[in-house]
Every structure is written in C-alpha cells, then in structure tokens.
Amino acid sequence: MEHVKFTQMADGDAEDYAFLAEHETDYAAGTADRLLKALVELDDSLSGYQITRLGHSLQSATRAERDGADIDWIVSVLLHDIGDIYAPYNHDEYAAAILRPFVREQCAWVVEKHGDFQLVYFGKHVGADPEKRQTYAGHPYYDDCVDFCARWDQSSFDPAYDTLPIEHFAPMVRTVFARKPYDPAVIRPGQREPLVTK
C-alpha cells in the first residue's frame, strides 16, 4: 500500500488508518531533527541585535545549563523563540505548542507567556504595557516566568559571551522529543521544579 484508498476521511477503513498511523509515527520520530534545522534557520529571521536569533537561543540555553537547570528547562529555553520564523506576532504561543506534549506544564506555560513578561524591559519604549505580566499575578508559575526572563532571555544578547554550540544541545532535544507525548509522568500538571539548582 503506497497511500490510502479514500479521498474523504469519512470513507477510510481500518487498513487506511493503520497505514496512516504508521506513517505518522515514523514522521514524528524526526521532530527533533526538524526543530534543530529550524533553529539554524533562525539566523535568517529577525535581525538588528548584536547576535543572531540562533545565537540568542543558544546563549539563553547555555546560561540555563550553567545555572544548573534540568533538561526540560534547557530545551524549553533553547526553543523559546523558535516561532520567530513563522509566527512573529505570537512566537511564544507557537513555541509552547511545540513543547507542550514533551515537557513539564510549568516549562510550557513559561514559554507561552514569556513575551508578555519580557515587556517589562522594553514595553515603555514601544507603546506597550510594561506591566502586562501582572495579568498573571498569583499564577503558580508567575515567579518562574519572571526568573526565566531575567536570568536567561533578556540577558542573552551578548556577542562576547562564551556560548555553547548547537551540537552540544542536540542530544538533549532528541531526548526530550523522543518522550511519549503528553506522558503524565513528564507533564506533571501543577508541579514546579526550580529553575536552577546552583
């Protein structure tokens, strides 16, 4: 069988959907490598900073690792701006949607909201509300997002910083995206882990 028999999903049978499930499983297994390729493509996205968007992503992840962050945090911070290429106006939500099936809820929430939290640093200069993050005051992951932005995101535009290469992080990305999607043992809704252990 090279392709399904149907032209409308309602006409598919068990054989068609078993065939598609096998193809989808095979395709999903390549997600990590496609994401690593997309990270490299960040070099062709938004410019004007002293380092590229890939450089920013790598520097943020380097800082997270050096702070003693766990693999969920490191991979989340590495991919936090992956949406800049295809979703410049909601890049944070785009990145969170990619991460959500494979990392702690805590990490996905922080990535999803980091754009609003980052406004504290530049909102007043662009006519945006620098205190937009107050919308989330009292949320269990609020302080995590504040720290994520302060420690790893807003501080990672330094061309002199000793940033680790993408090859260093590739095994971590592959490990995270090899997990069973939405595994309750990984997602752990409502549970927090410290950003740093040092």
Protein backbone atom coordinates (compact mmCIF):
# COMPACT_ATOMS: atom_id res chain seq x y z
CA MET A 1 0.00 0.00 0.00
CA GLU A 2 1.53 3.34 -1.07
CA HIS A 3 -1.31 5.58 0.02
CA VAL A 4 -4.81 5.40 1.48
CA LYS A 5 -7.76 4.38 -0.66
CA PHE A 6 -10.06 7.25 0.36
CA THR A 7 -10.50 10.79 -0.92
CA GLN A 8 -12.68 11.78 2.05
CA MET A 9 -11.77 10.87 5.61
CA ALA A 10 -15.29 9.55 6.26
CA ASP A 11 -14.65 6.82 3.67
CA GLY A 12 -11.46 5.47 5.29
CA ASP A 13 -11.34 2.00 6.78
CA ALA A 14 -9.22 0.36 9.48
CA GLU A 15 -6.50 -0.57 6.99
CA ASP A 16 -6.22 3.05 5.80
CA TYR A 17 -5.94 4.44 9.31
CA ALA A 18 -3.44 1.78 10.44
CA PHE A 19 -1.33 2.70 7.41
CA LEU A 20 -1.52 6.41 8.27
CA ALA A 21 -0.73 5.79 11.94
CA GLU A 22 2.46 4.00 10.96
CA HIS A 23 3.50 6.89 8.70
CA GLU A 24 2.67 9.47 11.37
CA THR A 25 4.74 7.59 13.96
CA ASP A 26 7.71 7.47 11.59
CA TYR A 27 7.35 11.16 10.76
CA ALA A 28 7.02 12.21 14.40
CA ALA A 29 10.28 10.42 15.18
CA GLY A 30 12.07 13.07 13.12
CA THR A 31 10.65 16.04 15.04
CA ALA A 32 13.83 16.78 16.99
CA ASP A 33 15.98 16.95 13.87
CA ARG A 34 13.45 19.21 12.12
CA LEU A 35 13.48 21.53 15.14
CA LEU A 36 17.28 21.63 15.19
CA LYS A 37 17.21 22.55 11.49
CA ALA A 38 14.63 25.28 12.20
CA LEU A 39 16.85 26.67 14.95
CA VAL A 40 19.65 27.12 12.43
CA GLU A 41 17.15 28.90 10.16
CA LEU A 42 16.67 31.50 12.93
CA ASP A 43 19.86 33.03 11.56
CA ASP A 44 17.75 34.24 8.62
CA SER A 45 15.00 35.70 10.79
CA LEU A 46 14.65 38.99 12.65
CA SER A 47 17.90 40.94 12.72
CA GLY A 48 19.23 44.11 14.31
CA TYR A 49 20.51 42.65 17.56
CA GLN A 50 24.24 42.25 18.20
CA ILE A 51 23.83 38.49 17.82
CA THR A 52 21.55 36.37 15.63
CA ARG A 53 18.32 34.80 16.85
CA LEU A 54 20.10 31.42 16.82
CA GLY A 55 22.89 32.97 18.87
CA HIS A 56 20.32 34.30 21.33
CA SER A 57 18.67 30.88 21.63
CA LEU A 58 21.99 29.12 22.18
CA GLN A 59 23.18 31.74 24.65
CA SER A 60 19.93 31.50 26.63
CA ALA A 61 20.24 27.71 26.80
CA THR A 62 23.92 27.95 27.74
CA ARG A 63 23.07 30.24 30.64
CA ALA A 64 20.29 27.87 31.74
CA GLU A 65 22.62 24.87 31.71
CA ARG A 66 25.33 26.75 33.58
CA ASP A 67 22.74 27.75 36.18
CA GLY A 68 22.04 24.05 36.81
CA ALA A 69 18.67 23.92 35.04
CA ASP A 70 17.25 20.50 34.18
CA ILE A 71 16.73 19.17 30.66
CA ASP A 72 13.13 20.41 30.42
CA TRP A 73 14.22 23.97 31.17
CA ILE A 74 17.27 23.81 28.89
CA VAL A 75 15.34 22.53 25.87
CA SER A 76 12.47 24.94 26.57
CA VAL A 77 14.76 27.93 26.70
CA LEU A 78 16.61 26.75 23.60
CA LEU A 79 13.33 26.63 21.65
CA HIS A 80 11.54 29.58 23.29
CA ASP A 81 11.87 31.80 20.20
CA ILE A 82 11.51 29.10 17.51
CA GLY A 83 8.27 30.77 16.44
CA ASP A 84 10.06 33.94 15.30
CA ILE A 85 10.28 32.50 11.77
CA TYR A 86 6.63 31.63 11.17
CA ALA A 87 4.70 33.40 13.93
CA PRO A 88 6.37 36.74 14.74
CA TYR A 89 3.27 38.12 16.47
CA ASN A 90 2.68 35.12 18.73
CA HIS A 91 6.04 33.36 18.67
CA ASP A 92 5.75 32.47 22.33
CA GLU A 93 2.46 30.58 21.86
CA TYR A 94 3.88 28.83 18.79
CA ALA A 95 6.94 27.63 20.71
CA ALA A 96 4.82 26.49 23.67
CA ALA A 97 2.57 24.46 21.37
CA ILE A 98 5.63 22.60 20.07
CA LEU A 99 6.98 21.93 23.57
CA ARG A 100 3.73 21.20 25.45
CA PRO A 101 3.46 17.44 24.70
CA PHE A 102 7.07 16.77 25.78
CA VAL A 103 8.00 18.96 28.78
CA ARG A 104 6.57 19.86 32.17
CA GLU A 105 3.46 22.02 32.13
CA GLN A 106 5.48 24.57 34.09
CA CYS A 107 8.03 24.98 31.27
CA ALA A 108 5.43 25.15 28.50
CA TRP A 109 3.44 27.79 30.42
CA VAL A 110 6.52 29.95 30.95
CA VAL A 111 7.46 29.76 27.27
CA GLU A 112 3.87 30.58 26.28
CA LYS A 113 3.78 33.70 28.47
CA HIS A 114 7.37 34.95 28.21
CA GLY A 115 6.50 37.53 25.53
CA ASP A 116 4.17 39.33 27.92
CA PHE A 117 6.69 39.13 30.75
CA GLN A 118 9.53 40.49 28.59
CA LEU A 119 7.59 43.73 28.08
CA VAL A 120 8.80 44.90 31.48
CA TYR A 121 12.17 45.55 29.79
CA PHE A 122 11.07 47.42 26.68
CA GLY A 123 7.31 47.98 26.67
CA LYS A 124 7.56 51.67 27.55
CA HIS A 125 9.78 52.25 24.50
CA VAL A 126 7.34 50.73 22.00
CA GLY A 127 3.98 51.87 23.37
CA ALA A 128 3.16 48.55 25.07
CA ASP A 129 2.22 47.93 28.69
CA PRO A 130 5.42 47.12 30.59
CA GLU A 131 3.33 45.62 33.39
CA LYS A 132 1.29 43.26 31.20
CA ARG A 133 2.69 40.36 33.20
CA GLN A 134 0.55 41.49 36.15
CA THR A 135 -2.33 39.83 34.29
CA TYR A 136 -0.87 36.56 35.58
CA ALA A 137 -0.16 37.67 39.16
CA GLY A 138 -0.88 34.84 41.57
CA HIS A 139 -0.35 32.11 38.98
CA PRO A 140 1.76 29.25 40.37
CA TYR A 141 4.36 29.71 37.60
CA TYR A 142 4.45 33.53 37.68
CA ASP A 143 7.78 33.79 39.51
CA ASP A 144 9.26 31.14 37.23
CA CYS A 145 8.48 33.27 34.19
CA VAL A 146 9.92 36.38 35.86
CA ASP A 147 13.14 34.49 36.58
CA PHE A 148 13.22 32.83 33.13
CA CYS A 149 13.12 36.25 31.50
CA ALA A 150 15.57 37.91 33.87
CA ARG A 151 18.18 35.15 34.01
CA TRP A 152 18.08 33.65 30.53
CA ASP A 153 16.07 35.61 27.99
CA GLN A 154 16.64 39.36 28.37
CA SER A 155 20.31 38.87 29.30
CA SER A 156 21.29 36.74 26.29
CA PHE A 157 22.23 39.20 23.56
CA ASP A 158 25.95 39.42 24.37
CA PRO A 159 28.37 38.76 21.48
CA ALA A 160 31.24 38.32 23.98
CA TYR A 161 29.53 35.56 25.97
CA ASP A 162 31.05 32.07 25.73
CA THR A 163 28.03 30.37 24.13
CA LEU A 164 27.88 26.61 23.57
CA PRO A 165 27.21 25.37 20.01
CA ILE A 166 24.02 23.75 18.78
CA GLU A 167 25.77 20.36 18.66
CA HIS A 168 26.05 20.48 22.44
CA PHE A 169 22.26 20.75 22.83
CA ALA A 170 21.19 18.40 20.02
CA PRO A 171 21.24 15.24 22.21
CA MET A 172 19.01 16.96 24.78
CA VAL A 173 16.50 17.98 22.11
CA ARG A 174 16.45 14.42 20.77
CA THR A 175 15.94 13.01 24.28
CA VAL A 176 13.01 15.32 25.05
CA PHE A 177 11.25 14.78 21.72
CA ALA A 178 11.68 11.02 21.96
CA ARG A 179 9.39 11.01 25.01
CA LYS A 180 5.86 9.68 24.83
CA PRO A 181 3.68 12.73 24.06
CA TYR A 182 1.58 14.02 26.96
CA ASP A 183 3.01 11.45 29.36
CA PRO A 184 1.55 12.40 32.79
CA ALA A 185 4.87 11.45 34.40
CA VAL A 186 6.53 14.17 32.30
CA ILE A 187 3.81 16.84 32.10
CA ARG A 188 3.09 16.81 35.86
CA PRO A 189 0.37 19.47 35.92
CA GLY A 190 0.64 21.90 38.79
CA GLN A 191 4.07 20.66 39.88
CA ARG A 192 7.02 23.00 39.99
CA GLU A 193 10.71 22.35 39.69
CA PRO A 194 13.25 25.07 40.49
CA LEU A 195 14.72 26.90 37.54
CA VAL A 196 18.19 26.48 38.94
CA THR A 197 19.94 24.13 41.31
CA LYS A 198 23.10 26.17 41.90
